[in-house]
Amino acid sequence: MFFTKNKIILILGLGKSGIAAVNLANREGFKVTAIDQRINDYLLDIKKELSATQNSIILDFNDKILPECDLIVISPGISPNSFLGKLAEKTGVEIISEIEFAYRFCKFPIIAITGTNGKTTVTELCHHLLSGSGLKTITAGNIGKPLSEIIMNEEKYDYIILELSSFQLHYIDTFIPFISVILNIDSDHIDWHGSLDNYIHDKMNIIKNIDLKNKIVINYTLLDILIKFKNKCSVKSFSLNSDKADFFIKNGKLYHKNIFICSIDKFSNLKSLHNLENIMAVLGVCNIIGLDLNKSIELTSDFQLGMHRMELVIEHKNIKYINDSKSTNPLALIAAVNSCSGDKNICLIAGGLDKNMDFSGILYLDGKIKKVFLTGKSKNKLAKLCKSVLNNSIYETFKDAVHAACDYSTSGDVVLLSPGCASMDMFKNYEDRGNYFKKLINRRILDEVQSS
């Protein structure tokens, strides 16, 4: 159901996506009320700016009912079980995400990417390969700018490449990507969704409205889940383990439809197992839109992973110090350990803000982890889990955990920050956490060099 311009739109949350939604609604001539529970100097400035265009902006909101409206656009950080989420549900008014709102004004085909891990890497790599092939693309959504802001800029694109979180996919109604990419699904954000089943359901909302004209690129391991949501669809699969997938890797070689394409040595900068999956996913997209696979593969050679994703900080005295602060769930932690370990040589710094996730998978890493250095709100939960399997210690501060890992490491080891948890118990975000880790490591090694 679309909406007419004489309606009042209520926008919940004035983060980046909320502000962008206000501006898009203004451009389209809607009446807008926007509210936020917070109040600070930044939001007061935003209120002043947005109120100048006849919007009604309410900060420090704590009323028992929401203002009257005909449509609610809800920001991704607001869960259905939160104060504002519950108030929104009580109104009986249609609730949509900022992605859904912006999509209703979008004129360009969308490549939408979701998954528990790898979304950002795949979104950036997809943009890199498509733009390198002469197509005009832009990234948006959970990475960079909100979709509403992209729609506002009046540019023309061959494709918009959207990274989508489960939060953004929860309130989807008419959204239909041209290509949907589903990388993996594992325990994450259970605190927001309430259960793993709800989390899976919201992830699969990415294909809610597609038909045979639309395409799906999906991890072969998820085909059973896919069938539960769509029994008729056009699928291109990828796998590290099965030669039944469209793209697969066997004996160090990449195949497509059982035809040899290249050795994985071609991907020297992305040879970890999870990144090989990411590459196959993007090659699936390239194949669907008709790009030459060999040219696309050549373009991967100058692609660089972003900061805080398996970022080598420094190698000193044959010890590698790696910043994987973007690891905010157990699957990411497991992938990090598997991608850089030798034989029981990982000094792992883990812990942070738990999201009611299942960490039992880390117990199978006992042959690779030398010791776990636990910190943050989840430290006691993780220590209890690790107790009989993994050598571990608890630290009250992040700094103490980092220094203890450094003290414990010896030649040939890897000091790995891969928390497997969110950062907001101790830091502003994962970037803040990663930057602090790098600062601690560089300061420590500089002091060591200067004193020697």
Protein backbone atom coordinates (compact mmCIF):
# COMPACT_ATOMS: atom_id res chain seq x y z
CA MET A 1 0.00 0.00 0.00
CA PHE A 2 1.39 3.40 -1.01
CA PHE A 3 0.42 6.65 0.61
CA THR A 4 -0.84 10.07 -0.47
CA LYS A 5 0.88 13.36 0.22
CA ASN A 6 -1.79 14.87 2.44
CA LYS A 7 -0.91 12.34 5.14
CA ILE A 8 1.18 12.91 8.27
CA ILE A 9 4.35 10.86 8.53
CA LEU A 10 5.74 10.16 12.00
CA ILE A 11 9.47 9.41 12.03
CA LEU A 12 10.82 7.64 15.10
CA GLY A 13 14.50 8.23 15.84
CA LEU A 14 16.76 11.04 14.64
CA GLY A 15 19.90 9.17 13.76
CA LYS A 16 21.29 9.31 10.23
CA SER A 17 18.45 7.34 8.68
CA GLY A 18 15.76 9.26 10.56
CA ILE A 19 17.13 12.65 9.50
CA ALA A 20 17.43 11.45 5.90
CA ALA A 21 13.82 10.21 5.99
CA VAL A 22 12.64 13.62 7.26
CA ASN A 23 14.42 15.36 4.39
CA LEU A 24 13.01 12.95 1.78
CA ALA A 25 9.49 13.33 3.20
CA ASN A 26 9.91 17.11 3.02
CA ARG A 27 10.98 16.91 -0.61
CA GLU A 28 7.92 14.82 -1.41
CA GLY A 29 5.60 17.31 0.31
CA PHE A 30 4.49 15.31 3.35
CA LYS A 31 3.70 16.71 6.77
CA VAL A 32 6.29 15.39 9.21
CA THR A 33 6.48 14.83 12.94
CA ALA A 34 9.76 13.38 14.21
CA ILE A 35 10.54 12.29 17.76
CA ASP A 36 13.54 11.02 19.68
CA GLN A 37 13.84 9.94 23.30
CA ARG A 38 17.24 11.57 23.57
CA ILE A 39 18.16 15.22 24.01
CA ASN A 40 21.62 16.71 23.57
CA ASP A 41 23.32 19.66 21.88
CA TYR A 42 23.62 17.84 18.56
CA LEU A 43 19.92 16.96 18.49
CA LEU A 44 18.96 20.47 19.54
CA ASP A 45 20.86 21.75 16.49
CA ILE A 46 19.09 19.16 14.32
CA LYS A 47 15.73 20.23 15.74
CA LYS A 48 16.46 23.85 14.90
CA GLU A 49 17.49 22.94 11.36
CA LEU A 50 14.54 20.64 10.65
CA SER A 51 11.96 22.88 12.33
CA ALA A 52 12.86 25.62 9.86
CA THR A 53 11.04 23.57 7.19
CA GLN A 54 7.79 23.41 9.20
CA ASN A 55 8.44 19.98 10.70
CA SER A 56 7.34 19.19 14.23
CA ILE A 57 10.40 17.89 16.12
CA ILE A 58 9.98 16.47 19.64
CA LEU A 59 13.03 15.57 21.73
CA ASP A 60 13.24 13.93 25.17
CA PHE A 61 10.02 12.10 24.32
CA ASN A 62 8.46 9.99 27.09
CA ASP A 63 4.70 10.35 26.55
CA LYS A 64 2.43 7.32 26.82
CA ILE A 65 0.99 7.74 23.31
CA LEU A 66 2.50 8.83 20.01
CA PRO A 67 1.33 11.91 18.10
CA GLU A 68 -1.40 11.33 15.54
CA CYS A 69 -0.14 10.15 12.16
CA ASP A 70 -1.01 8.13 9.08
CA LEU A 71 2.31 6.33 8.62
CA ILE A 72 5.26 5.54 10.90
CA VAL A 73 8.85 5.35 9.62
CA ILE A 74 10.95 3.69 12.29
CA SER A 75 14.72 3.84 12.65
CA PRO A 76 16.66 0.53 12.67
CA GLY A 77 17.91 0.97 16.24
CA ILE A 78 14.35 0.90 17.63
CA SER A 79 13.23 -2.67 18.27
CA PRO A 80 9.58 -3.80 18.37
CA ASN A 81 10.02 -4.51 22.09
CA SER A 82 11.43 -1.09 22.96
CA PHE A 83 9.42 1.76 24.48
CA LEU A 84 8.89 3.49 21.12
CA GLY A 85 8.45 0.21 19.29
CA LYS A 86 5.60 -0.85 21.57
CA LEU A 87 3.94 2.57 21.29
CA ALA A 88 4.16 2.34 17.50
CA GLU A 89 2.54 -1.11 17.46
CA LYS A 90 -0.33 0.16 19.64
CA THR A 91 -1.29 2.85 17.10
CA GLY A 92 -2.48 0.33 14.51
CA VAL A 93 -0.85 2.56 11.88
CA GLU A 94 1.33 1.08 9.14
CA ILE A 95 4.98 0.88 10.32
CA ILE A 96 7.79 0.76 7.77
CA SER A 97 11.57 1.01 7.84
CA GLU A 98 13.55 3.87 6.36
CA ILE A 99 14.65 1.42 3.65
CA GLU A 100 11.04 0.68 2.73
CA PHE A 101 10.15 4.39 2.77
CA ALA A 102 13.03 5.36 0.48
CA TYR A 103 12.44 2.38 -1.81
CA ARG A 104 8.99 3.72 -2.68
CA PHE A 105 10.71 6.63 -4.43
CA CYS A 106 13.62 4.67 -5.91
CA LYS A 107 13.96 4.47 -9.71
CA PHE A 108 17.05 2.26 -9.91
CA PRO A 109 17.64 -1.49 -9.57
CA ILE A 110 18.90 -2.55 -6.16
CA ILE A 111 21.44 -5.19 -5.24
CA ALA A 112 20.62 -5.94 -1.60
CA ILE A 113 23.11 -7.77 0.63
CA THR A 114 22.50 -9.31 4.03
CA GLY A 115 23.97 -11.93 6.32
CA THR A 116 25.27 -12.26 9.84
CA ASN A 117 28.84 -11.60 8.67
CA GLY A 118 30.59 -10.29 5.59
CA LYS A 119 27.93 -7.76 4.54
CA THR A 120 30.25 -4.78 4.45
CA THR A 121 33.07 -6.61 2.65
CA VAL A 122 30.68 -7.98 0.02
CA THR A 123 28.99 -4.59 -0.44
CA GLU A 124 32.33 -2.84 -0.92
CA LEU A 125 33.71 -5.59 -3.18
CA CYS A 126 30.55 -5.58 -5.27
CA HIS A 127 30.85 -1.81 -5.72
CA HIS A 128 34.55 -2.20 -6.56
CA LEU A 129 33.97 -4.83 -9.28
CA LEU A 130 30.90 -3.22 -10.82
CA SER A 131 32.33 0.29 -10.92
CA GLY A 132 35.62 -1.14 -12.23
CA SER A 133 33.60 -2.65 -15.07
CA GLY A 134 32.24 0.75 -16.06
CA LEU A 135 28.91 0.71 -14.23
CA LYS A 136 27.81 3.62 -12.08
CA THR A 137 27.05 2.31 -8.61
CA ILE A 138 26.82 3.60 -5.07
CA THR A 139 26.70 1.89 -1.67
CA ALA A 140 24.08 2.72 0.95
CA GLY A 141 22.02 1.33 3.81
CA ASN A 142 23.92 -0.15 6.73
CA ILE A 143 27.11 1.13 5.11
CA GLY A 144 27.70 4.81 4.41
CA LYS A 145 24.64 6.90 3.58
CA PRO A 146 20.99 6.05 4.24
CA LEU A 147 18.99 5.10 1.15
CA SER A 148 16.77 8.18 1.62
CA GLU A 149 19.83 10.40 1.23
CA ILE A 150 20.83 8.63 -1.99
CA ILE A 151 17.33 9.08 -3.40
CA MET A 152 17.58 12.80 -2.59
CA ASN A 153 20.75 13.46 -4.57
CA GLU A 154 19.11 13.24 -8.03
CA GLU A 155 22.00 11.19 -9.49
CA LYS A 156 21.38 8.34 -11.94
CA TYR A 157 22.80 4.90 -11.16
CA ASP A 158 23.02 1.57 -12.90
CA TYR A 159 22.70 -0.11 -9.51
CA ILE A 160 22.33 0.90 -5.87
CA ILE A 161 24.18 -1.60 -3.67
CA LEU A 162 22.48 -1.84 -0.27
CA GLU A 163 23.95 -3.43 2.83
CA LEU A 164 20.98 -4.44 4.97
CA SER A 165 20.88 -5.44 8.62
CA SER A 166 18.14 -7.57 10.15
CA PHE A 167 16.88 -4.40 11.87
CA GLN A 168 16.37 -2.67 8.52
CA LEU A 169 14.60 -5.71 7.10
CA HIS A 170 12.12 -6.13 9.97
CA TYR A 171 9.58 -3.57 8.75
CA ILE A 172 9.57 -4.42 5.03
CA ASP A 173 6.38 -4.24 2.96
CA THR A 174 6.85 -3.69 -0.81
CA PHE A 175 10.67 -3.74 -1.05
CA ILE A 176 11.91 -5.83 -4.02
CA PRO A 177 15.63 -5.95 -4.84
CA PHE A 178 16.69 -6.95 -8.34
CA ILE A 179 19.33 -9.20 -6.77
CA SER A 180 19.20 -10.42 -3.16
CA VAL A 181 22.45 -11.73 -1.66
CA ILE A 182 22.23 -13.87 1.50
CA LEU A 183 25.68 -14.69 2.84
CA ASN A 184 25.13 -16.64 6.06
CA ILE A 185 22.85 -16.73 9.08
CA ASP A 186 24.03 -17.44 12.61
CA SER A 187 23.22 -16.37 16.16
CA ASP A 188 23.22 -12.56 16.46
CA HIS A 189 21.01 -9.73 17.78
CA ILE A 190 18.78 -12.16 19.68
CA ASP A 191 18.20 -9.41 22.25
CA TRP A 192 16.58 -7.27 19.52
CA HIS A 193 14.61 -9.99 17.73
CA GLY A 194 13.61 -12.11 20.71
CA SER A 195 14.60 -15.47 19.20
CA LEU A 196 16.79 -17.02 16.52
CA ASP A 197 13.67 -17.91 14.51
CA ASN A 198 12.59 -14.25 14.50
CA TYR A 199 16.10 -13.22 13.45
CA ILE A 200 16.08 -15.69 10.55
CA HIS A 201 12.61 -14.52 9.51
CA ASP A 202 13.71 -10.89 9.36
CA LYS A 203 16.86 -11.77 7.40
CA MET A 204 14.74 -13.65 4.87
CA ASN A 205 12.47 -10.62 4.48
CA ILE A 206 15.00 -9.59 1.84
CA ILE A 207 13.22 -12.01 -0.54
CA LYS A 208 9.70 -11.44 0.80
CA ASN A 209 8.33 -9.91 -2.41
CA ILE A 210 10.54 -11.31 -5.16
CA ASP A 211 9.36 -13.39 -8.11
CA LEU A 212 11.17 -15.27 -10.87
CA LYS A 213 12.27 -11.99 -12.50
CA ASN A 214 14.42 -11.29 -9.45
CA LYS A 215 17.56 -13.23 -8.58
CA ILE A 216 18.98 -14.69 -5.37
CA VAL A 217 22.66 -15.31 -4.61
CA ILE A 218 22.86 -17.53 -1.54
CA ASN A 219 25.19 -19.68 0.51
CA TYR A 220 24.52 -23.31 -0.41
CA THR A 221 24.13 -24.17 3.29
CA LEU A 222 21.02 -21.94 3.45
CA LEU A 223 19.03 -23.61 0.66
CA ASP A 224 16.90 -25.56 3.17
CA ILE A 225 15.97 -22.32 4.91
CA LEU A 226 15.30 -20.64 1.56
CA ILE A 227 12.77 -23.30 0.57
CA LYS A 228 10.73 -22.53 3.70
CA PHE A 229 10.31 -18.94 2.53
CA LYS A 230 10.31 -19.25 -1.29
CA ASN A 231 9.75 -22.50 -3.15
CA LYS A 232 9.88 -20.88 -6.59
CA CYS A 233 12.81 -18.55 -7.22
CA SER A 234 15.87 -18.04 -9.40
CA VAL A 235 18.94 -19.02 -7.38
CA LYS A 236 22.69 -18.92 -7.83
CA SER A 237 24.51 -20.63 -4.97
CA PHE A 238 28.09 -20.70 -3.69
CA SER A 239 29.94 -23.09 -1.41
CA LEU A 240 33.29 -23.96 0.10
CA ASN A 241 32.23 -27.56 0.61
CA SER A 242 29.79 -28.76 -2.04
CA ASP A 243 30.40 -29.16 -5.78
CA LYS A 244 26.61 -29.06 -6.24
CA ALA A 245 26.69 -25.27 -5.83
CA ASP A 246 26.95 -22.98 -8.87
CA PHE A 247 30.21 -21.52 -7.57
CA PHE A 248 32.43 -23.77 -5.47
CA ILE A 249 36.04 -24.23 -4.44
CA LYS A 250 37.73 -27.62 -4.56
CA ASN A 251 41.41 -28.45 -4.10
CA GLY A 252 42.33 -24.79 -4.17
CA LYS A 253 40.48 -24.11 -7.43
CA LEU A 254 37.39 -22.03 -8.19
CA TYR A 255 34.69 -23.56 -10.37
CA HIS A 256 31.51 -22.23 -11.91
CA LYS A 257 28.96 -24.77 -13.14
CA ASN A 258 31.70 -27.43 -12.81
CA ILE A 259 33.96 -25.47 -15.16
CA PHE A 260 37.39 -24.49 -13.81
CA ILE A 261 37.76 -20.70 -13.54
CA CYS A 262 41.01 -20.02 -11.68
CA SER A 263 43.23 -20.98 -8.76
CA ILE A 264 42.43 -19.32 -5.45
CA ASP A 265 46.00 -17.97 -5.58
CA LYS A 266 44.42 -15.23 -7.70
CA PHE A 267 42.89 -13.89 -4.50
CA SER A 268 46.11 -13.41 -2.57
CA ASN A 269 44.68 -10.53 -0.55
CA LEU A 270 41.42 -12.35 0.26
CA LYS A 271 42.40 -16.00 0.73
CA SER A 272 40.80 -16.64 4.12
CA LEU A 273 37.87 -19.06 3.93
CA HIS A 274 35.19 -16.52 4.78
CA ASN A 275 36.55 -14.08 2.20
CA LEU A 276 36.56 -16.79 -0.47
CA GLU A 277 32.84 -17.17 0.25
CA ASN A 278 32.48 -13.39 -0.05
CA ILE A 279 34.25 -13.43 -3.42
CA MET A 280 31.99 -16.18 -4.77
CA ALA A 281 28.92 -14.25 -3.67
CA VAL A 282 30.06 -11.16 -5.56
CA LEU A 283 31.02 -13.19 -8.62
CA GLY A 284 27.48 -14.57 -8.53
CA VAL A 285 26.19 -11.00 -8.79
CA CYS A 286 28.64 -10.21 -11.61
CA ASN A 287 27.53 -13.32 -13.51
CA ILE A 288 23.85 -12.46 -13.16
CA ILE A 289 24.29 -8.96 -14.59
CA GLY A 290 26.43 -10.25 -17.46
CA LEU A 291 29.94 -9.17 -16.52
CA ASP A 292 32.94 -11.17 -17.68
CA LEU A 293 34.04 -13.38 -14.76
CA ASN A 294 37.72 -13.34 -15.66
CA LYS A 295 37.77 -9.53 -15.77
CA SER A 296 35.89 -9.38 -12.47
CA ILE A 297 38.43 -11.73 -10.90
CA GLU A 298 41.30 -9.53 -12.11
CA LEU A 299 39.65 -6.53 -10.46
CA THR A 300 39.80 -8.23 -7.05
CA SER A 301 43.60 -7.88 -7.01
CA ASP A 302 43.54 -4.23 -5.93
CA PHE A 303 40.65 -4.50 -3.49
CA GLN A 304 41.57 -3.69 0.10
CA LEU A 305 39.62 -4.70 3.18
CA GLY A 306 38.48 -1.82 5.37
CA MET A 307 39.84 -1.02 8.80
CA HIS A 308 38.92 -3.14 11.82
CA ARG A 309 38.41 -6.27 9.68
CA MET A 310 41.39 -8.60 10.12
CA GLU A 311 43.59 -5.51 10.01
CA LEU A 312 47.26 -6.26 10.62
CA VAL A 313 48.35 -3.56 13.06
CA ILE A 314 52.01 -4.58 13.21
CA GLU A 315 54.29 -7.61 13.26
CA HIS A 316 56.99 -7.40 15.90
CA LYS A 317 59.43 -10.10 17.04
CA ASN A 318 57.53 -12.65 14.94
CA ILE A 319 54.24 -11.87 16.72
CA LYS A 320 51.32 -10.57 14.66
CA TYR A 321 48.89 -8.10 16.20
CA ILE A 322 45.53 -8.15 14.40
CA ASN A 323 42.57 -5.81 14.85
CA ASP A 324 39.25 -7.49 14.06
CA SER A 325 37.09 -5.18 16.17
CA LYS A 326 34.26 -5.46 13.62
CA SER A 327 33.76 -9.00 14.93
CA THR A 328 30.51 -8.48 16.89
CA ASN A 329 29.10 -12.02 16.93
CA PRO A 330 30.36 -15.58 17.48
CA LEU A 331 30.45 -16.49 13.78
CA ALA A 332 32.78 -13.57 13.09
CA LEU A 333 35.03 -14.59 15.96
CA ILE A 334 35.22 -18.17 14.67
CA ALA A 335 36.01 -17.00 11.13
CA ALA A 336 38.78 -14.74 12.45
CA VAL A 337 40.47 -17.51 14.43
CA ASN A 338 40.22 -19.94 11.53
CA SER A 339 41.69 -17.44 9.09
CA CYS A 340 44.87 -16.66 10.99
CA SER A 341 45.75 -19.57 13.26
CA GLY A 342 48.51 -22.10 13.22
CA ASP A 343 48.74 -24.75 15.92
CA LYS A 344 47.41 -23.33 19.21
CA ASN A 345 48.99 -19.93 18.62
CA ILE A 346 46.09 -17.48 19.07
CA CYS A 347 46.05 -15.13 22.07
CA LEU A 348 42.43 -14.07 21.69
CA ILE A 349 40.97 -10.92 23.23
CA ALA A 350 37.20 -11.39 23.39
CA GLY A 351 34.07 -10.15 25.13
CA GLY A 352 31.94 -7.05 25.24
CA LEU A 353 28.21 -6.43 25.10
CA ASP A 354 26.35 -9.72 24.61
CA LYS A 355 23.22 -9.86 22.45
CA ASN A 356 21.93 -13.15 23.92
CA MET A 357 24.01 -15.02 21.35
CA ASP A 358 25.10 -18.66 21.25
CA PHE A 359 28.88 -18.87 21.74
CA SER A 360 29.16 -22.66 21.96
CA GLY A 361 30.89 -22.82 18.57
CA ILE A 362 34.06 -21.30 19.98
CA LEU A 363 34.67 -24.45 22.02
CA TYR A 364 35.68 -26.24 18.81
CA LEU A 365 38.61 -23.83 18.46
CA ASP A 366 40.55 -25.38 21.34
CA GLY A 367 43.24 -26.68 18.96
CA LYS A 368 43.91 -23.14 17.69
CA ILE A 369 43.47 -20.88 20.72
CA LYS A 370 46.38 -20.66 23.14
CA LYS A 371 44.43 -18.56 25.63
CA VAL A 372 41.36 -16.31 25.76
CA PHE A 373 41.57 -12.92 27.50
CA LEU A 374 38.02 -11.95 28.47
CA THR A 375 36.66 -8.50 29.19
CA GLY A 376 33.42 -6.54 29.02
CA LYS A 377 29.92 -7.36 30.24
CA SER A 378 29.95 -10.84 28.74
CA LYS A 379 33.22 -11.89 30.39
CA ASN A 380 31.65 -14.04 33.13
CA LYS A 381 29.27 -15.78 30.72
CA LEU A 382 32.15 -16.57 28.37
CA ALA A 383 34.45 -17.67 31.19
CA LYS A 384 31.80 -20.14 32.38
CA LEU A 385 31.44 -21.51 28.85
CA CYS A 386 35.18 -21.78 28.26
CA LYS A 387 36.02 -23.14 31.71
CA SER A 388 36.61 -26.81 30.92
CA VAL A 389 37.84 -26.43 27.33
CA LEU A 390 39.73 -23.19 26.72
CA ASN A 391 42.44 -21.62 28.84
CA ASN A 392 41.06 -18.22 29.84
CA SER A 393 41.34 -15.30 32.25
CA ILE A 394 39.00 -12.42 33.13
CA TYR A 395 40.06 -8.76 33.14
CA GLU A 396 38.17 -5.77 34.48
CA THR A 397 39.36 -3.39 31.77
CA PHE A 398 39.95 -3.71 28.05
CA LYS A 399 43.44 -2.28 28.48
CA ASP A 400 44.34 -4.94 31.04
CA ALA A 401 43.14 -7.71 28.72
CA VAL A 402 45.19 -6.37 25.80
CA HIS A 403 48.37 -6.02 27.83
CA ALA A 404 47.91 -9.49 29.35
CA ALA A 405 47.55 -11.01 25.87
CA CYS A 406 50.73 -9.23 24.77
CA ASP A 407 52.62 -10.45 27.86
CA TYR A 408 51.49 -14.03 27.27
CA SER A 409 52.37 -14.16 23.56
CA THR A 410 55.64 -15.58 22.25
CA SER A 411 57.32 -15.84 18.85
CA GLY A 412 54.97 -17.34 16.25
CA ASP A 413 51.81 -16.27 18.07
CA VAL A 414 48.98 -13.99 16.97
CA VAL A 415 47.49 -11.45 19.36
CA LEU A 416 43.98 -11.22 17.95
CA LEU A 417 41.29 -8.75 18.94
CA SER A 418 38.11 -10.45 17.75
CA PRO A 419 35.57 -9.73 20.50
CA GLY A 420 32.56 -11.62 19.12
CA CYS A 421 30.43 -9.03 20.94
CA ALA A 422 29.16 -5.50 20.49
CA SER A 423 31.29 -2.67 21.83
CA MET A 424 28.82 -0.31 23.49
CA ASP A 425 29.46 -1.50 27.04
CA MET A 426 32.92 0.10 26.93
CA PHE A 427 33.16 2.08 23.70
CA LYS A 428 31.17 4.32 21.38
CA ASN A 429 31.30 1.74 18.58
CA TYR A 430 33.52 -0.97 17.12
CA GLU A 431 35.70 1.65 15.38
CA ASP A 432 36.41 3.31 18.71
CA ARG A 433 37.32 -0.09 20.19
CA GLY A 434 39.59 -0.97 17.27
CA ASN A 435 41.34 2.38 17.32
CA TYR A 436 42.01 2.05 21.05
CA PHE A 437 43.43 -1.43 20.51
CA LYS A 438 45.78 -0.11 17.82
CA LYS A 439 46.83 2.75 20.06
CA LEU A 440 47.63 0.36 22.92
CA ILE A 441 49.63 -1.98 20.68
CA ASN A 442 51.62 0.77 18.96
CA ARG A 443 52.34 2.53 22.24
CA ARG A 444 53.52 -0.69 23.86
CA ILE A 445 55.84 -1.65 21.01
CA LEU A 446 57.21 1.89 20.68
CA ASP A 447 58.01 1.90 24.41
CA GLU A 448 59.67 -1.51 24.06
CA VAL A 449 61.81 -0.38 21.11
CA GLN A 450 62.83 2.84 22.85
CA SER A 451 63.83 1.05 26.03
CA SER A 452 65.92 -1.61 24.26
